[in-house]
Amino acid sequence: RRGRAQADSLRRARQDTVARLADGRTVPGTALE
C-alpha cells in the first residue's frame, strides 16, 4: 500500500491525448506507433 500513492499520481499523469502527426494528420494518442 505504501507504493500505491506514487502509482496513483503516475496514473493521473497518463492522459488520453490527441496527437498531431508531422504530416498534418491528427490521431488519438493510443493509436501511435
ModelCIF file with pLDDT and N, C-alpha, C, O atoms, coordinates in Angstrom:
data_MODEL
#
_entry.id   MODEL 
#
_entity.id                         1 
_entity.type                       polymer 
_entity.pdbx_number_of_molecules   1 
#
_entity_poly.entity_id                      1 
_entity_poly.type                           'polypeptide(L)' 
_entity_poly.nstd_linkage                   no 
_entity_poly.nstd_monomer                   no 
_entity_poly.pdbx_seq_one_letter_code       RRGRAQADSLRRARQDTVARLADGRTVPGTALE 
_entity_poly.pdbx_seq_one_letter_code_can   RRGRAQADSLRRARQDTVARLADGRTVPGTALE 
_entity_poly.pdbx_strand_id                 A 
#
loop_
_entity_poly_seq.entity_id 
_entity_poly_seq.num 
_entity_poly_seq.mon_id 
_entity_poly_seq.hetero 
1 1  ARG n 
1 2  ARG n 
1 3  GLY n 
1 4  ARG n 
1 5  ALA n 
1 6  GLN n 
1 7  ALA n 
1 8  ASP n 
1 9  SER n 
1 10 LEU n 
1 11 ARG n 
1 12 ARG n 
1 13 ALA n 
1 14 ARG n 
1 15 GLN n 
1 16 ASP n 
1 17 THR n 
1 18 VAL n 
1 19 ALA n 
1 20 ARG n 
1 21 LEU n 
1 22 ALA n 
1 23 ASP n 
1 24 GLY n 
1 25 ARG n 
1 26 THR n 
1 27 VAL n 
1 28 PRO n 
1 29 GLY n 
1 30 THR n 
1 31 ALA n 
1 32 LEU n 
1 33 GLU n 
#
_struct_asym.id          A 
_struct_asym.entity_id   1 
#
loop_
_ma_qa_metric.id 
_ma_qa_metric.mode 
_ma_qa_metric.name 
_ma_qa_metric.software_group_id 
_ma_qa_metric.type 
1 global pLDDT . pLDDT 
2 local  pLDDT . pLDDT 
#
_ma_qa_metric_global.metric_id      1 
_ma_qa_metric_global.metric_value   72.67 
_ma_qa_metric_global.model_id       1 
_ma_qa_metric_global.ordinal_id     1 
#
loop_
_ma_qa_metric_local.label_asym_id 
_ma_qa_metric_local.label_comp_id 
_ma_qa_metric_local.label_seq_id 
_ma_qa_metric_local.metric_id 
_ma_qa_metric_local.metric_value 
_ma_qa_metric_local.model_id 
_ma_qa_metric_local.ordinal_id 
A ARG 1  2 74.00 1 1  
A ARG 2  2 65.00 1 2  
A GLY 3  2 59.00 1 3  
A ARG 4  2 63.00 1 4  
A ALA 5  2 59.00 1 5  
A GLN 6  2 59.00 1 6  
A ALA 7  2 62.00 1 7  
A ASP 8  2 64.00 1 8  
A SER 9  2 59.00 1 9  
A LEU 10 2 59.00 1 10 
A ARG 11 2 62.00 1 11 
A ARG 12 2 59.00 1 12 
A ALA 13 2 54.00 1 13 
A ARG 14 2 56.00 1 14 
A GLN 15 2 58.00 1 15 
A ASP 16 2 64.00 1 16 
A THR 17 2 75.00 1 17 
A VAL 18 2 80.00 1 18 
A ALA 19 2 84.00 1 19 
A ARG 20 2 87.00 1 20 
A LEU 21 2 89.00 1 21 
A ALA 22 2 86.00 1 22 
A ASP 23 2 85.00 1 23 
A GLY 24 2 84.00 1 24 
A ARG 25 2 87.00 1 25 
A THR 26 2 87.00 1 26 
A VAL 27 2 86.00 1 27 
A PRO 28 2 84.00 1 28 
A GLY 29 2 79.00 1 29 
A THR 30 2 76.00 1 30 
A ALA 31 2 82.00 1 31 
A LEU 32 2 85.00 1 32 
A GLU 33 2 86.00 1 33 
#
loop_
_atom_site.group_PDB 
_atom_site.id 
_atom_site.type_symbol 
_atom_site.label_atom_id 
_atom_site.label_alt_id 
_atom_site.label_comp_id 
_atom_site.label_asym_id 
_atom_site.label_entity_id 
_atom_site.label_seq_id 
_atom_site.pdbx_PDB_ins_code 
_atom_site.Cartn_x 
_atom_site.Cartn_y 
_atom_site.Cartn_z 
_atom_site.occupancy 
_atom_site.B_iso_or_equiv 
_atom_site.pdbx_formal_charge 
_atom_site.auth_seq_id 
_atom_site.auth_comp_id 
_atom_site.auth_asym_id 
_atom_site.auth_atom_id 
_atom_site.pdbx_PDB_model_num 
ATOM 1   N N  . ARG A 1 1  ? 0.827  -1.213 0.000   1.00 74.00 ? 1  ARG A N  1 
ATOM 2   C CA . ARG A 1 1  ? 0.000  0.000  0.000   1.00 74.00 ? 1  ARG A CA 1 
ATOM 3   C C  . ARG A 1 1  ? 0.857  1.258  0.000   1.00 74.00 ? 1  ARG A C  1 
ATOM 4   O O  . ARG A 1 1  ? 0.453  2.276  -0.561  1.00 74.00 ? 1  ARG A O  1 
ATOM 5   N N  . ARG A 1 2  ? 2.040  1.205  0.623   1.00 65.00 ? 2  ARG A N  1 
ATOM 6   C CA . ARG A 1 2  ? 2.880  2.404  0.684   1.00 65.00 ? 2  ARG A CA 1 
ATOM 7   C C  . ARG A 1 2  ? 3.315  2.855  -0.698  1.00 65.00 ? 2  ARG A C  1 
ATOM 8   O O  . ARG A 1 2  ? 3.595  4.037  -0.899  1.00 65.00 ? 2  ARG A O  1 
ATOM 9   N N  . GLY A 1 3  ? 3.379  1.938  -1.659  1.00 59.00 ? 3  GLY A N  1 
ATOM 10  C CA . GLY A 1 3  ? 3.788  2.320  -3.004  1.00 59.00 ? 3  GLY A CA 1 
ATOM 11  C C  . GLY A 1 3  ? 2.648  2.786  -3.880  1.00 59.00 ? 3  GLY A C  1 
ATOM 12  O O  . GLY A 1 3  ? 2.881  3.304  -4.972  1.00 59.00 ? 3  GLY A O  1 
ATOM 13  N N  . ARG A 1 4  ? 1.399  2.609  -3.418  1.00 63.00 ? 4  ARG A N  1 
ATOM 14  C CA . ARG A 1 4  ? 0.276  2.917  -4.295  1.00 63.00 ? 4  ARG A CA 1 
ATOM 15  C C  . ARG A 1 4  ? 0.053  4.411  -4.472  1.00 63.00 ? 4  ARG A C  1 
ATOM 16  O O  . ARG A 1 4  ? -0.496 4.835  -5.489  1.00 63.00 ? 4  ARG A O  1 
ATOM 17  N N  . ALA A 1 5  ? 0.468  5.217  -3.498  1.00 59.00 ? 5  ALA A N  1 
ATOM 18  C CA . ALA A 1 5  ? 0.303  6.666  -3.652  1.00 59.00 ? 5  ALA A CA 1 
ATOM 19  C C  . ALA A 1 5  ? 1.102  7.159  -4.843  1.00 59.00 ? 5  ALA A C  1 
ATOM 20  O O  . ALA A 1 5  ? 0.618  7.972  -5.631  1.00 59.00 ? 5  ALA A O  1 
ATOM 21  N N  . GLN A 1 6  ? 2.348  6.660  -4.977  1.00 59.00 ? 6  GLN A N  1 
ATOM 22  C CA . GLN A 1 6  ? 3.162  7.034  -6.137  1.00 59.00 ? 6  GLN A CA 1 
ATOM 23  C C  . GLN A 1 6  ? 2.525  6.522  -7.424  1.00 59.00 ? 6  GLN A C  1 
ATOM 24  O O  . GLN A 1 6  ? 2.500  7.226  -8.433  1.00 59.00 ? 6  GLN A O  1 
ATOM 25  N N  . ALA A 1 7  ? 2.011  5.295  -7.385  1.00 62.00 ? 7  ALA A N  1 
ATOM 26  C CA . ALA A 1 7  ? 1.384  4.728  -8.581  1.00 62.00 ? 7  ALA A CA 1 
ATOM 27  C C  . ALA A 1 7  ? 0.152  5.525  -8.984  1.00 62.00 ? 7  ALA A C  1 
ATOM 28  O O  . ALA A 1 7  ? -0.082 5.743  -10.173 1.00 62.00 ? 7  ALA A O  1 
ATOM 29  N N  . ASP A 1 8  ? -0.638 5.965  -8.004  1.00 64.00 ? 8  ASP A N  1 
ATOM 30  C CA . ASP A 1 8  ? -1.843 6.740  -8.306  1.00 64.00 ? 8  ASP A CA 1 
ATOM 31  C C  . ASP A 1 8  ? -1.490 8.069  -8.961  1.00 64.00 ? 8  ASP A C  1 
ATOM 32  O O  . ASP A 1 8  ? -2.153 8.504  -9.903  1.00 64.00 ? 8  ASP A O  1 
ATOM 33  N N  . SER A 1 9  ? -0.424 8.721  -8.447  1.00 59.00 ? 9  SER A N  1 
ATOM 34  C CA . SER A 1 9  ? -0.032 10.004 -9.051  1.00 59.00 ? 9  SER A CA 1 
ATOM 35  C C  . SER A 1 9  ? 0.476  9.795  -10.470 1.00 59.00 ? 9  SER A C  1 
ATOM 36  O O  . SER A 1 9  ? 0.234  10.626 -11.344 1.00 59.00 ? 9  SER A O  1 
ATOM 37  N N  . LEU A 1 10 ? 1.177  8.691  -10.704 1.00 59.00 ? 10 LEU A N  1 
ATOM 38  C CA . LEU A 1 10 ? 1.649  8.392  -12.057 1.00 59.00 ? 10 LEU A CA 1 
ATOM 39  C C  . LEU A 1 10 ? 0.476  8.076  -12.977 1.00 59.00 ? 10 LEU A C  1 
ATOM 40  O O  . LEU A 1 10 ? 0.472  8.458  -14.147 1.00 59.00 ? 10 LEU A O  1 
ATOM 41  N N  . ARG A 1 11 ? -0.511 7.379  -12.441 1.00 62.00 ? 11 ARG A N  1 
ATOM 42  C CA . ARG A 1 11 ? -1.677 7.026  -13.256 1.00 62.00 ? 11 ARG A CA 1 
ATOM 43  C C  . ARG A 1 11 ? -2.435 8.298  -13.674 1.00 62.00 ? 11 ARG A C  1 
ATOM 44  O O  . ARG A 1 11 ? -2.958 8.384  -14.785 1.00 62.00 ? 11 ARG A O  1 
ATOM 45  N N  . ARG A 1 12 ? -2.482 9.276  -12.766 1.00 59.00 ? 12 ARG A N  1 
ATOM 46  C CA . ARG A 1 12 ? -3.155 10.538 -13.111 1.00 59.00 ? 12 ARG A CA 1 
ATOM 47  C C  . ARG A 1 12 ? -2.399 11.280 -14.208 1.00 59.00 ? 12 ARG A C  1 
ATOM 48  O O  . ARG A 1 12 ? -2.987 12.038 -14.979 1.00 59.00 ? 12 ARG A O  1 
ATOM 49  N N  . ALA A 1 13 ? -1.068 11.048 -14.269 1.00 54.00 ? 13 ALA A N  1 
ATOM 50  C CA . ALA A 1 13 ? -0.265 11.725 -15.289 1.00 54.00 ? 13 ALA A CA 1 
ATOM 51  C C  . ALA A 1 13 ? -0.514 11.158 -16.675 1.00 54.00 ? 13 ALA A C  1 
ATOM 52  O O  . ALA A 1 13 ? -0.216 11.798 -17.683 1.00 54.00 ? 13 ALA A O  1 
ATOM 53  N N  . ARG A 1 14 ? -1.065 9.944  -16.714 1.00 56.00 ? 14 ARG A N  1 
ATOM 54  C CA . ARG A 1 14 ? -1.314 9.299  -18.004 1.00 56.00 ? 14 ARG A CA 1 
ATOM 55  C C  . ARG A 1 14 ? -2.631 9.819  -18.554 1.00 56.00 ? 14 ARG A C  1 
ATOM 56  O O  . ARG A 1 14 ? -3.698 9.509  -18.023 1.00 56.00 ? 14 ARG A O  1 
ATOM 57  N N  . GLN A 1 15 ? -2.559 10.599 -19.599 1.00 58.00 ? 15 GLN A N  1 
ATOM 58  C CA . GLN A 1 15 ? -3.743 11.254 -20.136 1.00 58.00 ? 15 GLN A CA 1 
ATOM 59  C C  . GLN A 1 15 ? -4.041 10.758 -21.550 1.00 58.00 ? 15 GLN A C  1 
ATOM 60  O O  . GLN A 1 15 ? -3.147 10.408 -22.320 1.00 58.00 ? 15 GLN A O  1 
ATOM 61  N N  . ASP A 1 16 ? -5.324 10.744 -21.851 1.00 64.00 ? 16 ASP A N  1 
ATOM 62  C CA . ASP A 1 16 ? -5.727 10.458 -23.230 1.00 64.00 ? 16 ASP A CA 1 
ATOM 63  C C  . ASP A 1 16 ? -5.606 11.747 -24.034 1.00 64.00 ? 16 ASP A C  1 
ATOM 64  O O  . ASP A 1 16 ? -6.294 12.727 -23.749 1.00 64.00 ? 16 ASP A O  1 
ATOM 65  N N  . THR A 1 17 ? -4.748 11.746 -25.018 1.00 75.00 ? 17 THR A N  1 
ATOM 66  C CA . THR A 1 17 ? -4.475 12.963 -25.777 1.00 75.00 ? 17 THR A CA 1 
ATOM 67  C C  . THR A 1 17 ? -4.668 12.712 -27.262 1.00 75.00 ? 17 THR A C  1 
ATOM 68  O O  . THR A 1 17 ? -4.704 11.574 -27.729 1.00 75.00 ? 17 THR A O  1 
ATOM 69  N N  . VAL A 1 18 ? -4.790 13.824 -27.990 1.00 80.00 ? 18 VAL A N  1 
ATOM 70  C CA . VAL A 1 18 ? -4.837 13.771 -29.447 1.00 80.00 ? 18 VAL A CA 1 
ATOM 71  C C  . VAL A 1 18 ? -3.471 14.196 -29.959 1.00 80.00 ? 18 VAL A C  1 
ATOM 72  O O  . VAL A 1 18 ? -2.954 15.245 -29.576 1.00 80.00 ? 18 VAL A O  1 
ATOM 73  N N  . ALA A 1 19 ? -2.899 13.385 -30.815 1.00 84.00 ? 19 ALA A N  1 
ATOM 74  C CA . ALA A 1 19 ? -1.553 13.646 -31.318 1.00 84.00 ? 19 ALA A CA 1 
ATOM 75  C C  . ALA A 1 19 ? -1.623 14.239 -32.722 1.00 84.00 ? 19 ALA A C  1 
ATOM 76  O O  . ALA A 1 19 ? -2.388 13.771 -33.565 1.00 84.00 ? 19 ALA A O  1 
ATOM 77  N N  . ARG A 1 20 ? -0.811 15.283 -32.967 1.00 87.00 ? 20 ARG A N  1 
ATOM 78  C CA . ARG A 1 20 ? -0.693 15.880 -34.294 1.00 87.00 ? 20 ARG A CA 1 
ATOM 79  C C  . ARG A 1 20 ? 0.553  15.320 -34.967 1.00 87.00 ? 20 ARG A C  1 
ATOM 80  O O  . ARG A 1 20 ? 1.676  15.631 -34.571 1.00 87.00 ? 20 ARG A O  1 
ATOM 81  N N  . LEU A 1 21 ? 0.347  14.501 -35.977 1.00 89.00 ? 21 LEU A N  1 
ATOM 82  C CA . LEU A 1 21 ? 1.475  13.915 -36.689 1.00 89.00 ? 21 LEU A CA 1 
ATOM 83  C C  . LEU A 1 21 ? 2.174  14.964 -37.539 1.00 89.00 ? 21 LEU A C  1 
ATOM 84  O O  . LEU A 1 21 ? 1.584  15.986 -37.892 1.00 89.00 ? 21 LEU A O  1 
ATOM 85  N N  . ALA A 1 22 ? 3.430  14.705 -37.863 1.00 86.00 ? 22 ALA A N  1 
ATOM 86  C CA . ALA A 1 22 ? 4.222  15.663 -38.634 1.00 86.00 ? 22 ALA A CA 1 
ATOM 87  C C  . ALA A 1 22 ? 3.653  15.892 -40.025 1.00 86.00 ? 22 ALA A C  1 
ATOM 88  O O  . ALA A 1 22 ? 3.909  16.931 -40.634 1.00 86.00 ? 22 ALA A O  1 
ATOM 89  N N  . ASP A 1 23 ? 2.884  14.934 -40.536 1.00 85.00 ? 23 ASP A N  1 
ATOM 90  C CA . ASP A 1 23 ? 2.304  15.104 -41.868 1.00 85.00 ? 23 ASP A CA 1 
ATOM 91  C C  . ASP A 1 23 ? 0.969  15.841 -41.847 1.00 85.00 ? 23 ASP A C  1 
ATOM 92  O O  . ASP A 1 23 ? 0.310  15.960 -42.880 1.00 85.00 ? 23 ASP A O  1 
ATOM 93  N N  . GLY A 1 24 ? 0.557  16.346 -40.652 1.00 84.00 ? 24 GLY A N  1 
ATOM 94  C CA . GLY A 1 24 ? -0.666 17.139 -40.546 1.00 84.00 ? 24 GLY A CA 1 
ATOM 95  C C  . GLY A 1 24 ? -1.874 16.384 -40.040 1.00 84.00 ? 24 GLY A C  1 
ATOM 96  O O  . GLY A 1 24 ? -2.858 17.014 -39.653 1.00 84.00 ? 24 GLY A O  1 
ATOM 97  N N  . ARG A 1 25 ? -1.845 15.073 -40.025 1.00 87.00 ? 25 ARG A N  1 
ATOM 98  C CA . ARG A 1 25 ? -2.986 14.293 -39.542 1.00 87.00 ? 25 ARG A CA 1 
ATOM 99  C C  . ARG A 1 25 ? -3.047 14.323 -38.014 1.00 87.00 ? 25 ARG A C  1 
ATOM 100 O O  . ARG A 1 25 ? -2.030 14.515 -37.348 1.00 87.00 ? 25 ARG A O  1 
ATOM 101 N N  . THR A 1 26 ? -4.253 14.131 -37.468 1.00 87.00 ? 26 THR A N  1 
ATOM 102 C CA . THR A 1 26 ? -4.437 14.006 -36.020 1.00 87.00 ? 26 THR A CA 1 
ATOM 103 C C  . THR A 1 26 ? -4.984 12.621 -35.717 1.00 87.00 ? 26 THR A C  1 
ATOM 104 O O  . THR A 1 26 ? -5.901 12.140 -36.383 1.00 87.00 ? 26 THR A O  1 
ATOM 105 N N  . VAL A 1 27 ? -4.407 11.987 -34.700 1.00 86.00 ? 27 VAL A N  1 
ATOM 106 C CA . VAL A 1 27 ? -4.833 10.642 -34.307 1.00 86.00 ? 27 VAL A CA 1 
ATOM 107 C C  . VAL A 1 27 ? -4.888 10.589 -32.783 1.00 86.00 ? 27 VAL A C  1 
ATOM 108 O O  . VAL A 1 27 ? -4.219 11.384 -32.123 1.00 86.00 ? 27 VAL A O  1 
ATOM 109 N N  . PRO A 1 28 ? -5.662 9.676  -32.209 1.00 84.00 ? 28 PRO A N  1 
ATOM 110 C CA . PRO A 1 28 ? -5.634 9.508  -30.750 1.00 84.00 ? 28 PRO A CA 1 
ATOM 111 C C  . PRO A 1 28 ? -4.247 9.063  -30.289 1.00 84.00 ? 28 PRO A C  1 
ATOM 112 O O  . PRO A 1 28 ? -3.539 8.346  -30.996 1.00 84.00 ? 28 PRO A O  1 
ATOM 113 N N  . GLY A 1 29 ? -3.880 9.503  -29.096 1.00 79.00 ? 29 GLY A N  1 
ATOM 114 C CA . GLY A 1 29 ? -2.570 9.129  -28.566 1.00 79.00 ? 29 GLY A CA 1 
ATOM 115 C C  . GLY A 1 29 ? -2.415 7.631  -28.428 1.00 79.00 ? 29 GLY A C  1 
ATOM 116 O O  . GLY A 1 29 ? -1.303 7.111  -28.523 1.00 79.00 ? 29 GLY A O  1 
ATOM 117 N N  . THR A 1 30 ? -3.525 6.921  -28.203 1.00 76.00 ? 30 THR A N  1 
ATOM 118 C CA . THR A 1 30 ? -3.474 5.464  -28.049 1.00 76.00 ? 30 THR A CA 1 
ATOM 119 C C  . THR A 1 30 ? -3.208 4.743  -29.366 1.00 76.00 ? 30 THR A C  1 
ATOM 120 O O  . THR A 1 30 ? -2.917 3.548  -29.373 1.00 76.00 ? 30 THR A O  1 
ATOM 121 N N  . ALA A 1 31 ? -3.309 5.473  -30.493 1.00 82.00 ? 31 ALA A N  1 
ATOM 122 C CA . ALA A 1 31 ? -3.100 4.843  -31.805 1.00 82.00 ? 31 ALA A CA 1 
ATOM 123 C C  . ALA A 1 31 ? -1.688 5.051  -32.335 1.00 82.00 ? 31 ALA A C  1 
ATOM 124 O O  . ALA A 1 31 ? -1.369 4.602  -33.436 1.00 82.00 ? 31 ALA A O  1 
ATOM 125 N N  . LEU A 1 32 ? -0.833 5.729  -31.560 1.00 85.00 ? 32 LEU A N  1 
ATOM 126 C CA . LEU A 1 32 ? 0.520  5.991  -32.027 1.00 85.00 ? 32 LEU A CA 1 
ATOM 127 C C  . LEU A 1 32 ? 1.341  4.710  -32.115 1.00 85.00 ? 32 LEU A C  1 
ATOM 128 O O  . LEU A 1 32 ? 1.186  3.805  -31.294 1.00 85.00 ? 32 LEU A O  1 
ATOM 129 N N  . GLU A 1 33 ? 2.208  4.641  -33.107 1.00 86.00 ? 33 GLU A N  1 
ATOM 130 C CA . GLU A 1 33 ? 3.099  3.508  -33.287 1.00 86.00 ? 33 GLU A CA 1 
ATOM 131 C C  . GLU A 1 33 ? 4.545  3.974  -33.140 1.00 86.00 ? 33 GLU A C  1 
ATOM 132 O O  . GLU A 1 33 ? 5.468  3.168  -33.256 1.00 86.00 ? 33 GLU A O  1 
#
